[in-house]
Amino acid sequence: MNIPFQELEAETLTAIIEEFISREGTDYGVHELSLEQKVQQVMNQLQHGEIVVTFDPESQSCDLQVAADR
């Protein structure tokens, strides 16, 4: 189930994003980015509808996924 990111408290959303960043091992290109820069990139993707926050009731966990219409 998708959760509108705007409905999450800022601290909660940041924690979800940081957890996602720390486990994804995403390649950000030639230059290393700080955690804050990576968080901002993910926030931009959320704001542009490129990714969504999802909640799995079975595992009681949130995740970030590519938007279905992309």
N, C-alpha and C. Protein backbone atom coordinates (compact mmCIF):
# COMPACT_ATOMS: atom_id res chain seq x y z
N MET A 1 0.85 -1.16 0.00
CA MET A 1 0.00 0.00 0.00
C MET A 1 0.90 1.23 0.00
N ASN A 2 0.57 2.21 -0.85
CA ASN A 2 1.34 3.44 -0.92
C ASN A 2 0.93 4.39 0.20
N ILE A 3 1.91 5.07 0.76
CA ILE A 3 1.69 6.05 1.81
C ILE A 3 2.14 7.41 1.26
N PRO A 4 1.26 8.42 1.24
CA PRO A 4 1.70 9.75 0.80
C PRO A 4 2.82 10.25 1.72
N PHE A 5 3.97 10.54 1.13
CA PHE A 5 5.12 10.93 1.95
C PHE A 5 4.85 12.22 2.72
N GLN A 6 3.96 13.05 2.21
CA GLN A 6 3.64 14.31 2.88
C GLN A 6 2.93 14.08 4.22
N GLU A 7 2.35 12.91 4.40
CA GLU A 7 1.62 12.61 5.63
C GLU A 7 2.53 12.08 6.74
N LEU A 8 3.79 11.79 6.40
CA LEU A 8 4.73 11.29 7.39
C LEU A 8 5.42 12.45 8.10
N GLU A 9 5.74 12.26 9.36
CA GLU A 9 6.53 13.26 10.08
C GLU A 9 7.91 13.32 9.43
N ALA A 10 8.52 14.49 9.44
CA ALA A 10 9.81 14.70 8.79
C ALA A 10 10.87 13.72 9.30
N GLU A 11 10.91 13.49 10.60
CA GLU A 11 11.90 12.57 11.18
C GLU A 11 11.68 11.15 10.69
N THR A 12 10.43 10.75 10.59
CA THR A 12 10.10 9.40 10.13
C THR A 12 10.51 9.22 8.68
N LEU A 13 10.16 10.19 7.84
CA LEU A 13 10.51 10.12 6.43
C LEU A 13 12.03 10.09 6.24
N THR A 14 12.74 10.92 6.98
CA THR A 14 14.20 10.93 6.88
C THR A 14 14.78 9.58 7.29
N ALA A 15 14.25 8.98 8.33
CA ALA A 15 14.73 7.66 8.78
C ALA A 15 14.50 6.60 7.71
N ILE A 16 13.33 6.63 7.05
CA ILE A 16 13.04 5.68 5.97
C ILE A 16 14.02 5.88 4.83
N ILE A 17 14.25 7.13 4.45
CA ILE A 17 15.17 7.42 3.34
C ILE A 17 16.59 6.99 3.69
N GLU A 18 17.06 7.32 4.89
CA GLU A 18 18.43 6.95 5.29
C GLU A 18 18.60 5.44 5.33
N GLU A 19 17.59 4.73 5.80
CA GLU A 19 17.68 3.26 5.84
C GLU A 19 17.74 2.72 4.42
N PHE A 20 16.96 3.27 3.52
CA PHE A 20 16.96 2.86 2.12
C PHE A 20 18.34 3.11 1.49
N ILE A 21 18.89 4.28 1.71
CA ILE A 21 20.20 4.64 1.15
C ILE A 21 21.27 3.70 1.67
N SER A 22 21.23 3.39 2.96
CA SER A 22 22.29 2.59 3.56
C SER A 22 22.30 1.14 3.07
N ARG A 23 21.18 0.64 2.60
CA ARG A 23 21.15 -0.76 2.16
C ARG A 23 21.18 -0.92 0.66
N GLU A 24 20.95 0.15 -0.07
CA GLU A 24 20.87 0.04 -1.52
C GLU A 24 22.23 -0.03 -2.20
N GLY A 25 23.24 0.60 -1.64
CA GLY A 25 24.55 0.60 -2.29
C GLY A 25 24.50 1.21 -3.68
N THR A 26 23.67 2.22 -3.84
CA THR A 26 23.46 2.85 -5.14
C THR A 26 24.72 3.57 -5.59
N ASP A 27 25.00 3.49 -6.88
CA ASP A 27 26.12 4.21 -7.47
C ASP A 27 25.66 5.61 -7.82
N TYR A 28 26.26 6.61 -7.20
CA TYR A 28 25.88 7.99 -7.44
C TYR A 28 26.81 8.68 -8.43
N GLY A 29 27.60 7.91 -9.15
CA GLY A 29 28.46 8.49 -10.17
C GLY A 29 29.89 8.65 -9.71
N VAL A 30 30.59 9.50 -10.42
CA VAL A 30 32.02 9.69 -10.19
C VAL A 30 32.30 10.31 -8.83
N HIS A 31 31.45 11.22 -8.39
CA HIS A 31 31.68 11.95 -7.15
C HIS A 31 30.92 11.31 -5.99
N GLU A 32 31.61 11.20 -4.86
CA GLU A 32 30.94 10.72 -3.64
C GLU A 32 30.01 11.82 -3.14
N LEU A 33 28.86 11.42 -2.68
CA LEU A 33 27.90 12.36 -2.12
C LEU A 33 27.77 12.13 -0.63
N SER A 34 27.51 13.20 0.10
CA SER A 34 27.28 13.07 1.53
C SER A 34 25.90 12.45 1.75
N LEU A 35 25.67 11.98 2.96
CA LEU A 35 24.36 11.42 3.31
C LEU A 35 23.27 12.46 3.06
N GLU A 36 23.54 13.70 3.45
CA GLU A 36 22.55 14.76 3.26
C GLU A 36 22.22 14.97 1.78
N GLN A 37 23.23 14.90 0.92
CA GLN A 37 23.00 15.05 -0.52
C GLN A 37 22.18 13.88 -1.06
N LYS A 38 22.48 12.69 -0.60
CA LYS A 38 21.72 11.51 -1.04
C LYS A 38 20.27 11.60 -0.58
N VAL A 39 20.06 12.03 0.66
CA VAL A 39 18.70 12.20 1.19
C VAL A 39 17.96 13.22 0.33
N GLN A 40 18.62 14.32 -0.02
CA GLN A 40 17.96 15.34 -0.84
C GLN A 40 17.60 14.80 -2.22
N GLN A 41 18.47 13.98 -2.80
CA GLN A 41 18.16 13.38 -4.10
C GLN A 41 16.91 12.50 -4.01
N VAL A 42 16.82 11.70 -2.97
CA VAL A 42 15.65 10.83 -2.79
C VAL A 42 14.40 11.68 -2.54
N MET A 43 14.52 12.75 -1.74
CA MET A 43 13.39 13.64 -1.51
C MET A 43 12.90 14.25 -2.83
N ASN A 44 13.82 14.64 -3.69
CA ASN A 44 13.45 15.19 -4.99
C ASN A 44 12.69 14.15 -5.81
N GLN A 45 13.13 12.91 -5.76
CA GLN A 45 12.45 11.84 -6.49
C GLN A 45 11.03 11.62 -5.94
N LEU A 46 10.87 11.71 -4.63
CA LEU A 46 9.54 11.59 -4.02
C LEU A 46 8.65 12.74 -4.48
N GLN A 47 9.18 13.96 -4.45
CA GLN A 47 8.40 15.13 -4.81
C GLN A 47 7.99 15.12 -6.28
N HIS A 48 8.81 14.51 -7.13
CA HIS A 48 8.50 14.43 -8.56
C HIS A 48 7.70 13.18 -8.92
N GLY A 49 7.36 12.37 -7.93
CA GLY A 49 6.54 11.18 -8.18
C GLY A 49 7.29 10.03 -8.82
N GLU A 50 8.62 10.08 -8.80
CA GLU A 50 9.43 9.02 -9.40
C GLU A 50 9.48 7.78 -8.52
N ILE A 51 9.43 7.98 -7.21
CA ILE A 51 9.40 6.88 -6.25
C ILE A 51 8.29 7.14 -5.24
N VAL A 52 7.87 6.10 -4.55
CA VAL A 52 6.80 6.20 -3.56
C VAL A 52 7.20 5.47 -2.28
N VAL A 53 6.58 5.88 -1.18
CA VAL A 53 6.74 5.17 0.09
C VAL A 53 5.66 4.10 0.13
N THR A 54 6.06 2.88 0.43
CA THR A 54 5.10 1.79 0.54
C THR A 54 5.13 1.23 1.96
N PHE A 55 4.01 0.64 2.36
CA PHE A 55 3.90 0.00 3.67
C PHE A 55 3.38 -1.41 3.46
N ASP A 56 4.08 -2.38 4.06
CA ASP A 56 3.67 -3.78 4.00
C ASP A 56 3.07 -4.15 5.36
N PRO A 57 1.74 -4.34 5.41
CA PRO A 57 1.11 -4.64 6.70
C PRO A 57 1.57 -5.96 7.30
N GLU A 58 1.96 -6.91 6.46
CA GLU A 58 2.39 -8.21 6.97
C GLU A 58 3.69 -8.09 7.76
N SER A 59 4.66 -7.38 7.19
CA SER A 59 5.95 -7.23 7.87
C SER A 59 6.01 -5.97 8.73
N GLN A 60 4.95 -5.14 8.64
CA GLN A 60 4.90 -3.88 9.38
C GLN A 60 6.10 -3.00 9.07
N SER A 61 6.46 -2.92 7.77
CA SER A 61 7.63 -2.14 7.39
C SER A 61 7.34 -1.24 6.19
N CYS A 62 8.11 -0.17 6.10
CA CYS A 62 8.02 0.77 4.99
C CYS A 62 9.21 0.57 4.07
N ASP A 63 9.02 0.96 2.80
CA ASP A 63 10.08 0.86 1.82
C ASP A 63 9.88 1.96 0.79
N LEU A 64 10.87 2.17 -0.04
CA LEU A 64 10.77 3.08 -1.18
C LEU A 64 10.84 2.26 -2.44
N GLN A 65 9.95 2.53 -3.38
CA GLN A 65 9.92 1.79 -4.64
C GLN A 65 9.69 2.74 -5.80
N VAL A 66 10.11 2.31 -6.98
CA VAL A 66 9.84 3.09 -8.18
C VAL A 66 8.33 3.16 -8.37
N ALA A 67 7.84 4.34 -8.71
CA ALA A 67 6.40 4.52 -8.92
C ALA A 67 5.91 3.61 -10.03
N ALA A 68 4.73 3.05 -9.86
CA ALA A 68 4.17 2.08 -10.81
C ALA A 68 3.98 2.65 -12.20
N ASP A 69 3.72 3.94 -12.30
CA ASP A 69 3.48 4.53 -13.61
C ASP A 69 4.75 4.98 -14.32
N ARG A 70 5.88 4.61 -13.80
CA ARG A 70 7.17 4.99 -14.41
C ARG A 70 7.67 3.89 -15.29
